[in-house]
Amino acid sequence: MRQVSGHTMGAFSVAARFGLKLAVFLLVCAFQWVVLGPPTSFFALAGLSGALCLSLALWKGERPFARSLTYWDEAAWFGLVACLG
């Protein structure tokens, strides 16, 4: 696997980070549902997170088509989730 900032990022850690972010977004949207009505922020949060992952990938100098999962992959996943809305 590729070394990133002195430690190895495995596929499990990237997938866990993606799942944790989605869980937080769902919690925020559930709270919005209770307080304000139907949530509208989930897809906006996913798009913003995709933009953040894209900027982190550029900042860290990761390759877009690396053999291991990187911020590029996470940005693509969040971009797909944002496009669902």
PDB file of N, CA and C in Angstrom:
ATOM      1  N   MET A   1       0.822  -1.184   0.000  1.00  0.00           N
ATOM      2  CA  MET A   1       0.000   0.000   0.000  1.00  0.00           C
ATOM      3  C   MET A   1       0.866   1.248   0.000  1.00  0.00           C
ATOM      4  N   ARG A   2       0.279   2.345  -0.330  1.00  0.00           N
ATOM      5  CA  ARG A   2       1.000   3.607  -0.460  1.00  0.00           C
ATOM      6  C   ARG A   2       1.130   4.298   0.889  1.00  0.00           C
ATOM      7  N   GLN A   3       2.287   4.867   1.149  1.00  0.00           N
ATOM      8  CA  GLN A   3       2.516   5.607   2.379  1.00  0.00           C
ATOM      9  C   GLN A   3       1.940   7.012   2.238  1.00  0.00           C
ATOM     10  N   VAL A   4       1.120   7.419   3.199  1.00  0.00           N
ATOM     11  CA  VAL A   4       0.555   8.759   3.212  1.00  0.00           C
ATOM     12  C   VAL A   4       0.854   9.378   4.561  1.00  0.00           C
ATOM     13  N   SER A   5       1.619  10.439   4.565  1.00  0.00           N
ATOM     14  CA  SER A   5       1.969  11.185   5.770  1.00  0.00           C
ATOM     15  C   SER A   5       2.572  10.300   6.854  1.00  0.00           C
ATOM     16  N   GLY A   6       3.403   9.344   6.472  1.00  0.00           N
ATOM     17  CA  GLY A   6       4.109   8.551   7.455  1.00  0.00           C
ATOM     18  C   GLY A   6       3.353   7.336   7.969  1.00  0.00           C
ATOM     19  N   HIS A   7       2.121   7.156   7.572  1.00  0.00           N
ATOM     20  CA  HIS A   7       1.404   5.958   7.992  1.00  0.00           C
ATOM     21  C   HIS A   7       0.600   5.410   6.820  1.00  0.00           C
ATOM     22  N   THR A   8       0.289   4.132   6.862  1.00  0.00           N
ATOM     23  CA  THR A   8      -0.401   3.479   5.770  1.00  0.00           C
ATOM     24  C   THR A   8      -1.903   3.592   5.956  1.00  0.00           C
ATOM     25  N   MET A   9      -2.569   4.093   4.924  1.00  0.00           N
ATOM     26  CA  MET A   9      -4.023   4.178   4.946  1.00  0.00           C
ATOM     27  C   MET A   9      -4.572   2.939   4.249  1.00  0.00           C
ATOM     28  N   GLY A  10      -5.246   2.095   4.996  1.00  0.00           N
ATOM     29  CA  GLY A  10      -5.820   0.909   4.415  1.00  0.00           C
ATOM     30  C   GLY A  10      -7.215   1.164   3.885  1.00  0.00           C
ATOM     31  N   ALA A  11      -7.692   0.214   3.120  1.00  0.00           N
ATOM     32  CA  ALA A  11      -9.040   0.339   2.557  1.00  0.00           C
ATOM     33  C   ALA A  11     -10.081   0.387   3.663  1.00  0.00           C
ATOM     34  N   PHE A  12      -9.838  -0.342   4.740  1.00  0.00           N
ATOM     35  CA  PHE A  12     -10.807  -0.351   5.834  1.00  0.00           C
ATOM     36  C   PHE A  12     -10.910   1.017   6.493  1.00  0.00           C
ATOM     37  N   SER A  13      -9.781   1.691   6.698  1.00  0.00           N
ATOM     38  CA  SER A  13      -9.829   2.994   7.359  1.00  0.00           C
ATOM     39  C   SER A  13     -10.508   4.045   6.481  1.00  0.00           C
ATOM     40  N   VAL A  14     -10.301   3.981   5.176  1.00  0.00           N
ATOM     41  CA  VAL A  14     -10.968   4.929   4.278  1.00  0.00           C
ATOM     42  C   VAL A  14     -12.469   4.656   4.243  1.00  0.00           C
ATOM     43  N   ALA A  15     -12.855   3.388   4.160  1.00  0.00           N
ATOM     44  CA  ALA A  15     -14.280   3.042   4.154  1.00  0.00           C
ATOM     45  C   ALA A  15     -14.931   3.387   5.490  1.00  0.00           C
ATOM     46  N   ALA A  16     -14.206   3.194   6.586  1.00  0.00           N
ATOM     47  CA  ALA A  16     -14.749   3.543   7.904  1.00  0.00           C
ATOM     48  C   ALA A  16     -14.917   5.047   8.033  1.00  0.00           C
ATOM     49  N   ARG A  17     -13.970   5.818   7.510  1.00  0.00           N
ATOM     50  CA  ARG A  17     -14.072   7.278   7.541  1.00  0.00           C
ATOM     51  C   ARG A  17     -15.278   7.744   6.718  1.00  0.00           C
ATOM     52  N   PHE A  18     -15.492   7.137   5.567  1.00  0.00           N
ATOM     53  CA  PHE A  18     -16.634   7.470   4.721  1.00  0.00           C
ATOM     54  C   PHE A  18     -17.945   7.141   5.436  1.00  0.00           C
ATOM     55  N   GLY A  19     -18.020   5.963   6.046  1.00  0.00           N
ATOM     56  CA  GLY A  19     -19.227   5.572   6.774  1.00  0.00           C
ATOM     57  C   GLY A  19     -19.499   6.454   7.976  1.00  0.00           C
ATOM     58  N   LEU A  20     -18.454   6.854   8.674  1.00  0.00           N
ATOM     59  CA  LEU A  20     -18.625   7.735   9.832  1.00  0.00           C
ATOM     60  C   LEU A  20     -19.155   9.099   9.403  1.00  0.00           C
ATOM     61  N   LYS A  21     -18.636   9.634   8.304  1.00  0.00           N
ATOM     62  CA  LYS A  21     -19.141  10.912   7.808  1.00  0.00           C
ATOM     63  C   LYS A  21     -20.603  10.800   7.391  1.00  0.00           C
ATOM     64  N   LEU A  22     -20.964   9.710   6.713  1.00  0.00           N
ATOM     65  CA  LEU A  22     -22.360   9.522   6.327  1.00  0.00           C
ATOM     66  C   LEU A  22     -23.261   9.405   7.550  1.00  0.00           C
ATOM     67  N   ALA A  23     -22.797   8.716   8.589  1.00  0.00           N
ATOM     68  CA  ALA A  23     -23.585   8.583   9.816  1.00  0.00           C
ATOM     69  C   ALA A  23     -23.807   9.939  10.476  1.00  0.00           C
ATOM     70  N   VAL A  24     -22.775  10.769  10.496  1.00  0.00           N
ATOM     71  CA  VAL A  24     -22.918  12.114  11.072  1.00  0.00           C
ATOM     72  C   VAL A  24     -23.904  12.940  10.249  1.00  0.00           C
ATOM     73  N   PHE A  25     -23.816  12.848   8.931  1.00  0.00           N
ATOM     74  CA  PHE A  25     -24.759  13.578   8.071  1.00  0.00           C
ATOM     75  C   PHE A  25     -26.187  13.116   8.322  1.00  0.00           C
ATOM     76  N   LEU A  26     -26.385  11.822   8.478  1.00  0.00           N
ATOM     77  CA  LEU A  26     -27.726  11.301   8.744  1.00  0.00           C
ATOM     78  C   LEU A  26     -28.243  11.769  10.100  1.00  0.00           C
ATOM     79  N   LEU A  27     -27.370  11.855  11.095  1.00  0.00           N
ATOM     80  CA  LEU A  27     -27.775  12.385  12.400  1.00  0.00           C
ATOM     81  C   LEU A  27     -28.187  13.846  12.300  1.00  0.00           C
ATOM     82  N   VAL A  28     -27.421  14.639  11.566  1.00  0.00           N
ATOM     83  CA  VAL A  28     -27.761  16.052  11.384  1.00  0.00           C
ATOM     84  C   VAL A  28     -29.107  16.173  10.677  1.00  0.00           C
ATOM     85  N   CYS A  29     -29.320  15.364   9.662  1.00  0.00           N
ATOM     86  CA  CYS A  29     -30.584  15.425   8.915  1.00  0.00           C
ATOM     87  C   CYS A  29     -31.755  14.901   9.743  1.00  0.00           C
ATOM     88  N   ALA A  30     -31.516  13.928  10.600  1.00  0.00           N
ATOM     89  CA  ALA A  30     -32.585  13.457  11.487  1.00  0.00           C
ATOM     90  C   ALA A  30     -32.984  14.544  12.469  1.00  0.00           C
ATOM     91  N   PHE A  31     -32.012  15.264  12.986  1.00  0.00           N
ATOM     92  CA  PHE A  31     -32.310  16.378  13.879  1.00  0.00           C
ATOM     93  C   PHE A  31     -33.061  17.471  13.128  1.00  0.00           C
ATOM     94  N   GLN A  32     -32.665  17.739  11.889  1.00  0.00           N
ATOM     95  CA  GLN A  32     -33.360  18.738  11.086  1.00  0.00           C
ATOM     96  C   GLN A  32     -34.797  18.304  10.823  1.00  0.00           C
ATOM     97  N   TRP A  33     -35.015  17.007  10.604  1.00  0.00           N
ATOM     98  CA  TRP A  33     -36.364  16.489  10.362  1.00  0.00           C
ATOM     99  C   TRP A  33     -37.264  16.756  11.560  1.00  0.00           C
ATOM    100  N   VAL A  34     -36.735  16.542  12.759  1.00  0.00           N
ATOM    101  CA  VAL A  34     -37.531  16.733  13.975  1.00  0.00           C
ATOM    102  C   VAL A  34     -37.838  18.216  14.190  1.00  0.00           C
ATOM    103  N   VAL A  35     -36.871  19.080  13.955  1.00  0.00           N
ATOM    104  CA  VAL A  35     -37.026  20.497  14.274  1.00  0.00           C
ATOM    105  C   VAL A  35     -37.716  21.275  13.155  1.00  0.00           C
ATOM    106  N   LEU A  36     -37.272  21.097  11.921  1.00  0.00           N
ATOM    107  CA  LEU A  36     -37.719  21.965  10.835  1.00  0.00           C
ATOM    108  C   LEU A  36     -38.593  21.301   9.775  1.00  0.00           C
ATOM    109  N   GLY A  37     -38.691  20.003   9.773  1.00  0.00           N
ATOM    110  CA  GLY A  37     -39.437  19.317   8.723  1.00  0.00           C
ATOM    111  C   GLY A  37     -38.493  18.509   7.855  1.00  0.00           C
ATOM    112  N   PRO A  38     -38.912  18.199   6.632  1.00  0.00           N
ATOM    113  CA  PRO A  38     -38.092  17.333   5.767  1.00  0.00           C
ATOM    114  C   PRO A  38     -36.685  17.883   5.553  1.00  0.00           C
ATOM    115  N   PRO A  39     -35.684  17.001   5.667  1.00  0.00           N
ATOM    116  CA  PRO A  39     -34.298  17.466   5.542  1.00  0.00           C
ATOM    117  C   PRO A  39     -33.943  17.809   4.098  1.00  0.00           C
ATOM    118  N   THR A  40     -33.246  18.879   3.938  1.00  0.00           N
ATOM    119  CA  THR A  40     -32.763  19.293   2.623  1.00  0.00           C
ATOM    120  C   THR A  40     -31.245  19.404   2.607  1.00  0.00           C
ATOM    121  N   SER A  41     -30.628  19.216   3.736  1.00  0.00           N
ATOM    122  CA  SER A  41     -29.192  19.485   3.845  1.00  0.00           C
ATOM    123  C   SER A  41     -28.312  18.270   3.575  1.00  0.00           C
ATOM    124  N   PHE A  42     -28.865  17.066   3.484  1.00  0.00           N
ATOM    125  CA  PHE A  42     -28.041  15.872   3.361  1.00  0.00           C
ATOM    126  C   PHE A  42     -27.185  15.905   2.094  1.00  0.00           C
ATOM    127  N   PHE A  43     -27.808  16.198   0.962  1.00  0.00           N
ATOM    128  CA  PHE A  43     -27.071  16.177  -0.295  1.00  0.00           C
ATOM    129  C   PHE A  43     -26.120  17.367  -0.411  1.00  0.00           C
ATOM    130  N   ALA A  44     -26.486  18.478   0.210  1.00  0.00           N
ATOM    131  CA  ALA A  44     -25.572  19.621   0.247  1.00  0.00           C
ATOM    132  C   ALA A  44     -24.346  19.294   1.092  1.00  0.00           C
ATOM    133  N   LEU A  45     -24.553  18.633   2.227  1.00  0.00           N
ATOM    134  CA  LEU A  45     -23.421  18.228   3.067  1.00  0.00           C
ATOM    135  C   LEU A  45     -22.533  17.225   2.341  1.00  0.00           C
ATOM    136  N   ALA A  46     -23.141  16.316   1.594  1.00  0.00           N
ATOM    137  CA  ALA A  46     -22.358  15.339   0.835  1.00  0.00           C
ATOM    138  C   ALA A  46     -21.528  16.031  -0.236  1.00  0.00           C
ATOM    139  N   GLY A  47     -22.103  17.019  -0.912  1.00  0.00           N
ATOM    140  CA  GLY A  47     -21.349  17.751  -1.922  1.00  0.00           C
ATOM    141  C   GLY A  47     -20.200  18.545  -1.329  1.00  0.00           C
ATOM    142  N   LEU A  48     -20.444  19.181  -0.191  1.00  0.00           N
ATOM    143  CA  LEU A  48     -19.372  19.923   0.479  1.00  0.00           C
ATOM    144  C   LEU A  48     -18.271  18.992   0.969  1.00  0.00           C
ATOM    145  N   SER A  49     -18.650  17.824   1.453  1.00  0.00           N
ATOM    146  CA  SER A  49     -17.644  16.867   1.896  1.00  0.00           C
ATOM    147  C   SER A  49     -16.839  16.339   0.711  1.00  0.00           C
ATOM    148  N   GLY A  50     -17.495  16.159  -0.422  1.00  0.00           N
ATOM    149  CA  GLY A  50     -16.767  15.759  -1.626  1.00  0.00           C
ATOM    150  C   GLY A  50     -15.752  16.803  -2.044  1.00  0.00           C
ATOM    151  N   ALA A  51     -16.135  18.082  -1.957  1.00  0.00           N
ATOM    152  CA  ALA A  51     -15.203  19.159  -2.290  1.00  0.00           C
ATOM    153  C   ALA A  51     -14.040  19.199  -1.296  1.00  0.00           C
ATOM    154  N   LEU A  52     -14.326  18.959  -0.024  1.00  0.00           N
ATOM    155  CA  LEU A  52     -13.264  18.924   0.984  1.00  0.00           C
ATOM    156  C   LEU A  52     -12.308  17.758   0.723  1.00  0.00           C
ATOM    157  N   CYS A  53     -12.849  16.584   0.404  1.00  0.00           N
ATOM    158  CA  CYS A  53     -11.996  15.427   0.113  1.00  0.00           C
ATOM    159  C   CYS A  53     -11.149  15.677  -1.129  1.00  0.00           C
ATOM    160  N   LEU A  54     -11.718  16.357  -2.118  1.00  0.00           N
ATOM    161  CA  LEU A  54     -10.969  16.688  -3.324  1.00  0.00           C
ATOM    162  C   LEU A  54      -9.810  17.628  -2.995  1.00  0.00           C
ATOM    163  N   SER A  55     -10.065  18.628  -2.181  1.00  0.00           N
ATOM    164  CA  SER A  55      -8.987  19.554  -1.820  1.00  0.00           C
ATOM    165  C   SER A  55      -7.931  18.863  -0.957  1.00  0.00           C
ATOM    166  N   LEU A  56      -8.340  17.949  -0.077  1.00  0.00           N
ATOM    167  CA  LEU A  56      -7.365  17.201   0.721  1.00  0.00           C
ATOM    168  C   LEU A  56      -6.510  16.291  -0.155  1.00  0.00           C
ATOM    169  N   ALA A  57      -7.120  15.684  -1.165  1.00  0.00           N
ATOM    170  CA  ALA A  57      -6.357  14.831  -2.079  1.00  0.00           C
ATOM    171  C   ALA A  57      -5.319  15.646  -2.831  1.00  0.00           C
ATOM    172  N   LEU A  58      -5.691  16.839  -3.264  1.00  0.00           N
ATOM    173  CA  LEU A  58      -4.736  17.696  -3.962  1.00  0.00           C
ATOM    174  C   LEU A  58      -3.633  18.175  -3.016  1.00  0.00           C
ATOM    175  N   TRP A  59      -4.012  18.520  -1.785  1.00  0.00           N
ATOM    176  CA  TRP A  59      -3.047  19.019  -0.812  1.00  0.00           C
ATOM    177  C   TRP A  59      -2.034  17.941  -0.428  1.00  0.00           C
ATOM    178  N   LYS A  60      -2.512  16.702  -0.268  1.00  0.00           N
ATOM    179  CA  LYS A  60      -1.613  15.613   0.121  1.00  0.00           C
ATOM    180  C   LYS A  60      -0.834  15.055  -1.057  1.00  0.00           C
ATOM    181  N   GLY A  61      -1.197  15.439  -2.278  1.00  0.00           N
ATOM    182  CA  GLY A  61      -0.477  14.959  -3.454  1.00  0.00           C
ATOM    183  C   GLY A  61      -0.774  13.515  -3.794  1.00  0.00           C
ATOM    184  N   GLU A  62      -1.974  13.065  -3.504  1.00  0.00           N
ATOM    185  CA  GLU A  62      -2.345  11.679  -3.806  1.00  0.00           C
ATOM    186  C   GLU A  62      -2.628  11.519  -5.297  1.00  0.00           C
ATOM    187  N   ARG A  63      -2.376  10.321  -5.782  1.00  0.00           N
ATOM    188  CA  ARG A  63      -2.643  10.020  -7.185  1.00  0.00           C
ATOM    189  C   ARG A  63      -4.108   9.608  -7.338  1.00  0.00           C
ATOM    190  N   PRO A  64      -4.788  10.089  -8.391  1.00  0.00           N
ATOM    191  CA  PRO A  64      -6.210   9.768  -8.558  1.00  0.00           C
ATOM    192  C   PRO A  64      -6.495   8.286  -8.761  1.00  0.00           C
ATOM    193  N   PHE A  65      -5.619   7.570  -9.437  1.00  0.00           N
ATOM    194  CA  PHE A  65      -5.875   6.165  -9.732  1.00  0.00           C
ATOM    195  C   PHE A  65      -4.876   5.263  -9.018  1.00  0.00           C
ATOM    196  N   ALA A  66      -4.682   5.518  -7.732  1.00  0.00           N
ATOM    197  CA  ALA A  66      -3.763   4.697  -6.935  1.00  0.00           C
ATOM    198  C   ALA A  66      -4.378   3.322  -6.701  1.00  0.00           C
ATOM    199  N   ARG A  67      -3.543   2.379  -6.332  1.00  0.00           N
ATOM    200  CA  ARG A  67      -4.034   1.021  -6.091  1.00  0.00           C
ATOM    201  C   ARG A  67      -4.817   0.898  -4.791  1.00  0.00           C
ATOM    202  N   SER A  68      -4.563   1.792  -3.846  1.00  0.00           N
ATOM    203  CA  SER A  68      -5.303   1.772  -2.585  1.00  0.00           C
ATOM    204  C   SER A  68      -6.334   2.892  -2.596  1.00  0.00           C
ATOM    205  N   LEU A  69      -7.253   2.835  -1.657  1.00  0.00           N
ATOM    206  CA  LEU A  69      -8.272   3.873  -1.562  1.00  0.00           C
ATOM    207  C   LEU A  69      -7.660   5.151  -1.010  1.00  0.00           C
ATOM    208  N   THR A  70      -8.046   6.283  -1.578  1.00  0.00           N
ATOM    209  CA  THR A  70      -7.506   7.573  -1.179  1.00  0.00           C
ATOM    210  C   THR A  70      -8.653   8.571  -1.041  1.00  0.00           C
ATOM    211  N   TYR A  71      -8.284   9.821  -0.780  1.00  0.00           N
ATOM    212  CA  TYR A  71      -9.289  10.877  -0.723  1.00  0.00           C
ATOM    213  C   TYR A  71      -9.970  11.084  -2.078  1.00  0.00           C
ATOM    214  N   TRP A  72      -9.284  10.734  -3.169  1.00  0.00           N
ATOM    215  CA  TRP A  72      -9.913  10.827  -4.489  1.00  0.00           C
ATOM    216  C   TRP A  72     -11.140   9.924  -4.569  1.00  0.00           C
ATOM    217  N   ASP A  73     -11.003   8.710  -4.060  1.00  0.00           N
ATOM    218  CA  ASP A  73     -12.124   7.772  -4.079  1.00  0.00           C
ATOM    219  C   ASP A  73     -13.259   8.267  -3.202  1.00  0.00           C
ATOM    220  N   GLU A  74     -12.914   8.783  -2.040  1.00  0.00           N
ATOM    221  CA  GLU A  74     -13.934   9.306  -1.130  1.00  0.00           C
ATOM    222  C   GLU A  74     -14.648  10.509  -1.745  1.00  0.00           C
ATOM    223  N   ALA A  75     -13.906  11.360  -2.453  1.00  0.00           N
ATOM    224  CA  ALA A  75     -14.525  12.499  -3.136  1.00  0.00           C
ATOM    225  C   ALA A  75     -15.483  12.015  -4.222  1.00  0.00           C
ATOM    226  N   ALA A  76     -15.106  10.965  -4.926  1.00  0.00           N
ATOM    227  CA  ALA A  76     -15.994  10.414  -5.957  1.00  0.00           C
ATOM    228  C   ALA A  76     -17.263   9.835  -5.329  1.00  0.00           C
ATOM    229  N   TRP A  77     -17.134   9.143  -4.209  1.00  0.00           N
ATOM    230  CA  TRP A  77     -18.314   8.573  -3.545  1.00  0.00           C
ATOM    231  C   TRP A  77     -19.245   9.673  -3.080  1.00  0.00           C
ATOM    232  N   PHE A  78     -18.677  10.704  -2.443  1.00  0.00           N
ATOM    233  CA  PHE A  78     -19.515  11.798  -1.980  1.00  0.00           C
ATOM    234  C   PHE A  78     -20.121  12.575  -3.153  1.00  0.00           C
ATOM    235  N   GLY A  79     -19.405  12.686  -4.251  1.00  0.00           N
ATOM    236  CA  GLY A  79     -19.953  13.322  -5.441  1.00  0.00           C
ATOM    237  C   GLY A  79     -21.150  12.541  -5.984  1.00  0.00           C
ATOM    238  N   LEU A  80     -21.047  11.216  -5.964  1.00  0.00           N
ATOM    239  CA  LEU A  80     -22.174  10.396  -6.408  1.00  0.00           C
ATOM    240  C   LEU A  80     -23.375  10.535  -5.474  1.00  0.00           C
ATOM    241  N   VAL A  81     -23.118  10.566  -4.177  1.00  0.00           N
ATOM    242  CA  VAL A  81     -24.207  10.737  -3.214  1.00  0.00           C
ATOM    243  C   VAL A  81     -24.861  12.104  -3.404  1.00  0.00           C
ATOM    244  N   ALA A  82     -24.058  13.139  -3.638  1.00  0.00           N
ATOM    245  CA  ALA A  82     -24.605  14.480  -3.836  1.00  0.00           C
ATOM    246  C   ALA A  82     -25.444  14.561  -5.105  1.00  0.00           C
ATOM    247  N   CYS A  83     -25.049  13.820  -6.130  1.00  0.00           N
ATOM    248  CA  CYS A  83     -25.800  13.825  -7.390  1.00  0.00           C
ATOM    249  C   CYS A  83     -27.132  13.085  -7.275  1.00  0.00           C
ATOM    250  N   LEU A  84     -27.280  12.251  -6.273  1.00  0.00           N
ATOM    251  CA  LEU A  84     -28.552  11.553  -6.079  1.00  0.00           C
ATOM    252  C   LEU A  84     -29.668  12.511  -5.698  1.00  0.00           C
ATOM    253  N   GLY A  85     -29.296  13.645  -5.110  1.00  0.00           N
ATOM    254  CA  GLY A  85     -30.283  14.626  -4.674  1.00  0.00           C
ATOM    255  C   GLY A  85     -30.663  15.478  -5.815  1.00  0.00           C
TER     256      GLY A  85
END
